[in-house]
Amino acid sequence: MEKLFKIKVDCAHCALKMEAAARKTPGIKEAEVSFMALKMRLVFKDNADPAAVVAEVRQNCQKAVPDSDIIL
């Protein structure tokens, strides 16, 4: 399953930090962040609960970049 989210991030380096944080989250198969488009694409593992995984991705991204956000 794949989902696309709008994100709030200030710089390209911070977008890379968000992407790395998302990729490390259990339940994520692939993560890609586009700073220019302000979008995040997440591909979930087959057995993952997308709602729970997105909540964890959001927390991990905010730890990595405190003033970032994933708009649900």
PDB file of N, CA and C in Angstrom:
ATOM      1  N   MET A   1       0.845  -1.173   0.000  1.00  0.00           N
ATOM      2  CA  MET A   1       0.000   0.000   0.000  1.00  0.00           C
ATOM      3  C   MET A   1       0.889   1.233   0.000  1.00  0.00           C
ATOM      4  N   GLU A   2       0.478   2.233  -0.730  1.00  0.00           N
ATOM      5  CA  GLU A   2       1.246   3.472  -0.856  1.00  0.00           C
ATOM      6  C   GLU A   2       0.337   4.661  -0.563  1.00  0.00           C
ATOM      7  N   LYS A   3       0.873   5.655   0.152  1.00  0.00           N
ATOM      8  CA  LYS A   3       0.124   6.881   0.435  1.00  0.00           C
ATOM      9  C   LYS A   3       1.027   8.080   0.235  1.00  0.00           C
ATOM     10  N   LEU A   4       0.420   9.196  -0.138  1.00  0.00           N
ATOM     11  CA  LEU A   4       1.128  10.446  -0.364  1.00  0.00           C
ATOM     12  C   LEU A   4       0.607  11.476   0.633  1.00  0.00           C
ATOM     13  N   PHE A   5       1.528  12.195   1.273  1.00  0.00           N
ATOM     14  CA  PHE A   5       1.168  13.192   2.279  1.00  0.00           C
ATOM     15  C   PHE A   5       1.823  14.523   1.966  1.00  0.00           C
ATOM     16  N   LYS A   6       1.153  15.607   2.304  1.00  0.00           N
ATOM     17  CA  LYS A   6       1.766  16.936   2.258  1.00  0.00           C
ATOM     18  C   LYS A   6       2.609  17.069   3.524  1.00  0.00           C
ATOM     19  N   ILE A   7       3.713  17.794   3.409  1.00  0.00           N
ATOM     20  CA  ILE A   7       4.570  18.006   4.575  1.00  0.00           C
ATOM     21  C   ILE A   7       4.888  19.482   4.738  1.00  0.00           C
ATOM     22  N   LYS A   8       5.316  19.820   5.940  1.00  0.00           N
ATOM     23  CA  LYS A   8       5.798  21.165   6.243  1.00  0.00           C
ATOM     24  C   LYS A   8       7.248  21.000   6.666  1.00  0.00           C
ATOM     25  N   VAL A   9       8.154  21.604   5.891  1.00  0.00           N
ATOM     26  CA  VAL A   9       9.579  21.522   6.203  1.00  0.00           C
ATOM     27  C   VAL A   9      10.248  22.761   5.604  1.00  0.00           C
ATOM     28  N   ASP A  10      11.304  23.260   6.267  1.00  0.00           N
ATOM     29  CA  ASP A  10      11.906  24.536   5.880  1.00  0.00           C
ATOM     30  C   ASP A  10      13.060  24.442   4.891  1.00  0.00           C
ATOM     31  N   CYS A  11      13.770  23.325   4.855  1.00  0.00           N
ATOM     32  CA  CYS A  11      14.948  23.260   3.977  1.00  0.00           C
ATOM     33  C   CYS A  11      15.147  21.845   3.443  1.00  0.00           C
ATOM     34  N   ALA A  12      15.950  21.730   2.411  1.00  0.00           N
ATOM     35  CA  ALA A  12      16.199  20.442   1.774  1.00  0.00           C
ATOM     36  C   ALA A  12      16.911  19.476   2.727  1.00  0.00           C
ATOM     37  N   HIS A  13      17.828  19.990   3.529  1.00  0.00           N
ATOM     38  CA  HIS A  13      18.543  19.131   4.474  1.00  0.00           C
ATOM     39  C   HIS A  13      17.572  18.536   5.500  1.00  0.00           C
ATOM     40  N   CYS A  14      16.644  19.342   5.962  1.00  0.00           N
ATOM     41  CA  CYS A  14      15.640  18.855   6.909  1.00  0.00           C
ATOM     42  C   CYS A  14      14.731  17.815   6.252  1.00  0.00           C
ATOM     43  N   ALA A  15      14.429  17.994   4.971  1.00  0.00           N
ATOM     44  CA  ALA A  15      13.625  17.017   4.241  1.00  0.00           C
ATOM     45  C   ALA A  15      14.346  15.673   4.187  1.00  0.00           C
ATOM     46  N   LEU A  16      15.665  15.700   4.006  1.00  0.00           N
ATOM     47  CA  LEU A  16      16.448  14.461   4.003  1.00  0.00           C
ATOM     48  C   LEU A  16      16.423  13.793   5.376  1.00  0.00           C
ATOM     49  N   LYS A  17      16.454  14.596   6.436  1.00  0.00           N
ATOM     50  CA  LYS A  17      16.367  14.046   7.792  1.00  0.00           C
ATOM     51  C   LYS A  17      15.009  13.379   8.009  1.00  0.00           C
ATOM     52  N   MET A  18      13.947  14.010   7.498  1.00  0.00           N
ATOM     53  CA  MET A  18      12.610  13.430   7.615  1.00  0.00           C
ATOM     54  C   MET A  18      12.535  12.099   6.861  1.00  0.00           C
ATOM     55  N   GLU A  19      13.114  12.075   5.676  1.00  0.00           N
ATOM     56  CA  GLU A  19      13.104  10.851   4.871  1.00  0.00           C
ATOM     57  C   GLU A  19      13.836   9.723   5.606  1.00  0.00           C
ATOM     58  N   ALA A  20      14.982  10.035   6.190  1.00  0.00           N
ATOM     59  CA  ALA A  20      15.747   9.025   6.926  1.00  0.00           C
ATOM     60  C   ALA A  20      14.958   8.526   8.135  1.00  0.00           C
ATOM     61  N   ALA A  21      14.306   9.431   8.847  1.00  0.00           N
ATOM     62  CA  ALA A  21      13.512   9.041  10.016  1.00  0.00           C
ATOM     63  C   ALA A  21      12.343   8.151   9.599  1.00  0.00           C
ATOM     64  N   ALA A  22      11.704   8.476   8.494  1.00  0.00           N
ATOM     65  CA  ALA A  22      10.576   7.678   8.015  1.00  0.00           C
ATOM     66  C   ALA A  22      11.036   6.281   7.603  1.00  0.00           C
ATOM     67  N   ARG A  23      12.173   6.199   6.933  1.00  0.00           N
ATOM     68  CA  ARG A  23      12.682   4.902   6.474  1.00  0.00           C
ATOM     69  C   ARG A  23      13.019   3.968   7.628  1.00  0.00           C
ATOM     70  N   LYS A  24      13.414   4.522   8.767  1.00  0.00           N
ATOM     71  CA  LYS A  24      13.790   3.710   9.925  1.00  0.00           C
ATOM     72  C   LYS A  24      12.581   3.214  10.711  1.00  0.00           C
ATOM     73  N   THR A  25      11.398   3.710  10.383  1.00  0.00           N
ATOM     74  CA  THR A  25      10.193   3.359  11.125  1.00  0.00           C
ATOM     75  C   THR A  25       9.730   1.948  10.761  1.00  0.00           C
ATOM     76  N   PRO A  26       9.488   1.102  11.769  1.00  0.00           N
ATOM     77  CA  PRO A  26       8.968  -0.245  11.479  1.00  0.00           C
ATOM     78  C   PRO A  26       7.637  -0.151  10.731  1.00  0.00           C
ATOM     79  N   GLY A  27       7.482  -0.996   9.739  1.00  0.00           N
ATOM     80  CA  GLY A  27       6.259  -0.992   8.946  1.00  0.00           C
ATOM     81  C   GLY A  27       6.375  -0.236   7.637  1.00  0.00           C
ATOM     82  N   ILE A  28       7.489   0.473   7.451  1.00  0.00           N
ATOM     83  CA  ILE A  28       7.721   1.222   6.216  1.00  0.00           C
ATOM     84  C   ILE A  28       8.637   0.424   5.302  1.00  0.00           C
ATOM     85  N   LYS A  29       8.188   0.239   4.086  1.00  0.00           N
ATOM     86  CA  LYS A  29       8.981  -0.459   3.071  1.00  0.00           C
ATOM     87  C   LYS A  29       9.845   0.535   2.301  1.00  0.00           C
ATOM     88  N   GLU A  30       9.247   1.685   1.920  1.00  0.00           N
ATOM     89  CA  GLU A  30       9.953   2.747   1.206  1.00  0.00           C
ATOM     90  C   GLU A  30       9.438   4.094   1.691  1.00  0.00           C
ATOM     91  N   ALA A  31      10.316   5.084   1.687  1.00  0.00           N
ATOM     92  CA  ALA A  31       9.928   6.453   2.011  1.00  0.00           C
ATOM     93  C   ALA A  31      10.697   7.393   1.101  1.00  0.00           C
ATOM     94  N   GLU A  32       9.990   8.389   0.598  1.00  0.00           N
ATOM     95  CA  GLU A  32      10.613   9.365  -0.288  1.00  0.00           C
ATOM     96  C   GLU A  32      10.017  10.733   0.030  1.00  0.00           C
ATOM     97  N   VAL A  33      10.893  11.729   0.218  1.00  0.00           N
ATOM     98  CA  VAL A  33      10.446  13.086   0.506  1.00  0.00           C
ATOM     99  C   VAL A  33      10.921  14.001  -0.614  1.00  0.00           C
ATOM    100  N   SER A  34      10.008  14.822  -1.114  1.00  0.00           N
ATOM    101  CA  SER A  34      10.350  15.825  -2.115  1.00  0.00           C
ATOM    102  C   SER A  34      10.229  17.200  -1.472  1.00  0.00           C
ATOM    103  N   PHE A  35      11.371  17.863  -1.293  1.00  0.00           N
ATOM    104  CA  PHE A  35      11.353  19.198  -0.704  1.00  0.00           C
ATOM    105  C   PHE A  35      10.675  20.189  -1.644  1.00  0.00           C
ATOM    106  N   MET A  36      10.944  20.068  -2.932  1.00  0.00           N
ATOM    107  CA  MET A  36      10.374  21.009  -3.905  1.00  0.00           C
ATOM    108  C   MET A  36       8.843  20.900  -3.962  1.00  0.00           C
ATOM    109  N   ALA A  37       8.322  19.701  -3.892  1.00  0.00           N
ATOM    110  CA  ALA A  37       6.870  19.498  -3.954  1.00  0.00           C
ATOM    111  C   ALA A  37       6.214  19.529  -2.573  1.00  0.00           C
ATOM    112  N   LEU A  38       7.040  19.490  -1.512  1.00  0.00           N
ATOM    113  CA  LEU A  38       6.554  19.405  -0.127  1.00  0.00           C
ATOM    114  C   LEU A  38       5.609  18.208   0.038  1.00  0.00           C
ATOM    115  N   LYS A  39       6.082  17.050  -0.417  1.00  0.00           N
ATOM    116  CA  LYS A  39       5.302  15.816  -0.329  1.00  0.00           C
ATOM    117  C   LYS A  39       6.171  14.679   0.193  1.00  0.00           C
ATOM    118  N   MET A  40       5.518  13.733   0.860  1.00  0.00           N
ATOM    119  CA  MET A  40       6.172  12.521   1.339  1.00  0.00           C
ATOM    120  C   MET A  40       5.373  11.328   0.824  1.00  0.00           C
ATOM    121  N   ARG A  41       6.087  10.389   0.203  1.00  0.00           N
ATOM    122  CA  ARG A  41       5.466   9.159  -0.288  1.00  0.00           C
ATOM    123  C   ARG A  41       5.922   8.024   0.612  1.00  0.00           C
ATOM    124  N   LEU A  42       4.956   7.314   1.167  1.00  0.00           N
ATOM    125  CA  LEU A  42       5.252   6.182   2.032  1.00  0.00           C
ATOM    126  C   LEU A  42       4.677   4.915   1.424  1.00  0.00           C
ATOM    127  N   VAL A  43       5.476   3.860   1.395  1.00  0.00           N
ATOM    128  CA  VAL A  43       5.019   2.534   0.974  1.00  0.00           C
ATOM    129  C   VAL A  43       5.107   1.649   2.215  1.00  0.00           C
ATOM    130  N   PHE A  44       3.973   1.060   2.574  1.00  0.00           N
ATOM    131  CA  PHE A  44       3.883   0.271   3.791  1.00  0.00           C
ATOM    132  C   PHE A  44       4.161  -1.200   3.508  1.00  0.00           C
ATOM    133  N   LYS A  45       4.727  -1.883   4.492  1.00  0.00           N
ATOM    134  CA  LYS A  45       4.894  -3.334   4.400  1.00  0.00           C
ATOM    135  C   LYS A  45       3.511  -3.973   4.416  1.00  0.00           C
ATOM    136  N   ASP A  46       3.421  -5.163   3.877  1.00  0.00           N
ATOM    137  CA  ASP A  46       2.130  -5.835   3.716  1.00  0.00           C
ATOM    138  C   ASP A  46       1.370  -6.032   5.025  1.00  0.00           C
ATOM    139  N   ASN A  47       2.057  -6.328   6.102  1.00  0.00           N
ATOM    140  CA  ASN A  47       1.387  -6.624   7.369  1.00  0.00           C
ATOM    141  C   ASN A  47       1.218  -5.396   8.267  1.00  0.00           C
ATOM    142  N   ALA A  48       1.554  -4.209   7.777  1.00  0.00           N
ATOM    143  CA  ALA A  48       1.522  -3.001   8.605  1.00  0.00           C
ATOM    144  C   ALA A  48       0.129  -2.376   8.656  1.00  0.00           C
ATOM    145  N   ASP A  49      -0.170  -1.746   9.796  1.00  0.00           N
ATOM    146  CA  ASP A  49      -1.387  -0.953   9.955  1.00  0.00           C
ATOM    147  C   ASP A  49      -1.033   0.487   9.575  1.00  0.00           C
ATOM    148  N   PRO A  50      -1.476   0.971   8.416  1.00  0.00           N
ATOM    149  CA  PRO A  50      -1.057   2.288   7.942  1.00  0.00           C
ATOM    150  C   PRO A  50      -1.302   3.427   8.928  1.00  0.00           C
ATOM    151  N   ALA A  51      -2.429   3.438   9.609  1.00  0.00           N
ATOM    152  CA  ALA A  51      -2.731   4.528  10.548  1.00  0.00           C
ATOM    153  C   ALA A  51      -1.724   4.562  11.695  1.00  0.00           C
ATOM    154  N   ALA A  52      -1.416   3.406  12.248  1.00  0.00           N
ATOM    155  CA  ALA A  52      -0.459   3.346  13.354  1.00  0.00           C
ATOM    156  C   ALA A  52       0.950   3.689  12.885  1.00  0.00           C
ATOM    157  N   VAL A  53       1.314   3.216  11.708  1.00  0.00           N
ATOM    158  CA  VAL A  53       2.656   3.479  11.185  1.00  0.00           C
ATOM    159  C   VAL A  53       2.828   4.965  10.874  1.00  0.00           C
ATOM    160  N   VAL A  54       1.807   5.596  10.288  1.00  0.00           N
ATOM    161  CA  VAL A  54       1.895   7.029   9.972  1.00  0.00           C
ATOM    162  C   VAL A  54       2.053   7.840  11.257  1.00  0.00           C
ATOM    163  N   ALA A  55       1.346   7.468  12.304  1.00  0.00           N
ATOM    164  CA  ALA A  55       1.484   8.174  13.582  1.00  0.00           C
ATOM    165  C   ALA A  55       2.914   8.070  14.097  1.00  0.00           C
ATOM    166  N   GLU A  56       3.512   6.890  13.962  1.00  0.00           N
ATOM    167  CA  GLU A  56       4.895   6.704  14.405  1.00  0.00           C
ATOM    168  C   GLU A  56       5.880   7.455  13.500  1.00  0.00           C
ATOM    169  N   VAL A  57       5.624   7.455  12.201  1.00  0.00           N
ATOM    170  CA  VAL A  57       6.469   8.213  11.262  1.00  0.00           C
ATOM    171  C   VAL A  57       6.425   9.696  11.627  1.00  0.00           C
ATOM    172  N   ARG A  58       5.240  10.190  11.919  1.00  0.00           N
ATOM    173  CA  ARG A  58       5.072  11.608  12.281  1.00  0.00           C
ATOM    174  C   ARG A  58       5.897  11.946  13.528  1.00  0.00           C
ATOM    175  N   GLN A  59       5.832  11.084  14.535  1.00  0.00           N
ATOM    176  CA  GLN A  59       6.611  11.310  15.762  1.00  0.00           C
ATOM    177  C   GLN A  59       8.110  11.280  15.465  1.00  0.00           C
ATOM    178  N   ASN A  60       8.556  10.291  14.696  1.00  0.00           N
ATOM    179  CA  ASN A  60       9.977  10.168  14.375  1.00  0.00           C
ATOM    180  C   ASN A  60      10.475  11.363  13.580  1.00  0.00           C
ATOM    181  N   CYS A  61       9.663  11.845  12.651  1.00  0.00           N
ATOM    182  CA  CYS A  61      10.064  13.013  11.856  1.00  0.00           C
ATOM    183  C   CYS A  61      10.146  14.264  12.725  1.00  0.00           C
ATOM    184  N   GLN A  62       9.220  14.404  13.662  1.00  0.00           N
ATOM    185  CA  GLN A  62       9.258  15.577  14.539  1.00  0.00           C
ATOM    186  C   GLN A  62      10.427  15.512  15.521  1.00  0.00           C
ATOM    187  N   LYS A  63      10.875  14.316  15.866  1.00  0.00           N
ATOM    188  CA  LYS A  63      12.081  14.188  16.688  1.00  0.00           C
ATOM    189  C   LYS A  63      13.311  14.603  15.891  1.00  0.00           C
ATOM    190  N   ALA A  64      13.361  14.201  14.618  1.00  0.00           N
ATOM    191  CA  ALA A  64      14.498  14.509  13.771  1.00  0.00           C
ATOM    192  C   ALA A  64      14.521  15.984  13.374  1.00  0.00           C
ATOM    193  N   VAL A  65      13.345  16.544  13.092  1.00  0.00           N
ATOM    194  CA  VAL A  65      13.217  17.942  12.672  1.00  0.00           C
ATOM    195  C   VAL A  65      12.034  18.527  13.439  1.00  0.00           C
ATOM    196  N   PRO A  66      12.292  19.155  14.606  1.00  0.00           N
ATOM    197  CA  PRO A  66      11.209  19.580  15.488  1.00  0.00           C
ATOM    198  C   PRO A  66      10.142  20.493  14.862  1.00  0.00           C
ATOM    199  N   ASP A  67      10.513  21.347  13.924  1.00  0.00           N
ATOM    200  CA  ASP A  67       9.500  22.250  13.357  1.00  0.00           C
ATOM    201  C   ASP A  67       8.898  21.718  12.053  1.00  0.00           C
ATOM    202  N   SER A  68       9.023  20.417  11.805  1.00  0.00           N
ATOM    203  CA  SER A  68       8.423  19.801  10.625  1.00  0.00           C
ATOM    204  C   SER A  68       7.059  19.221  10.990  1.00  0.00           C
ATOM    205  N   ASP A  69       6.287  18.864   9.957  1.00  0.00           N
ATOM    206  CA  ASP A  69       5.001  18.207  10.211  1.00  0.00           C
ATOM    207  C   ASP A  69       4.570  17.444   8.969  1.00  0.00           C
ATOM    208  N   ILE A  70       3.801  16.407   9.194  1.00  0.00           N
ATOM    209  CA  ILE A  70       3.135  15.670   8.124  1.00  0.00           C
ATOM    210  C   ILE A  70       1.664  16.023   8.241  1.00  0.00           C
ATOM    211  N   ILE A  71       1.107  16.563   7.188  1.00  0.00           N
ATOM    212  CA  ILE A  71      -0.285  17.003   7.213  1.00  0.00           C
ATOM    213  C   ILE A  71      -1.164  15.831   6.827  1.00  0.00           C
ATOM    214  N   LEU A  72      -1.980  15.405   7.788  1.00  0.00           N
ATOM    215  CA  LEU A  72      -2.834  14.227   7.576  1.00  0.00           C
ATOM    216  C   LEU A  72      -4.170  14.627   6.998  1.00  0.00           C
TER     217      LEU A  72
END
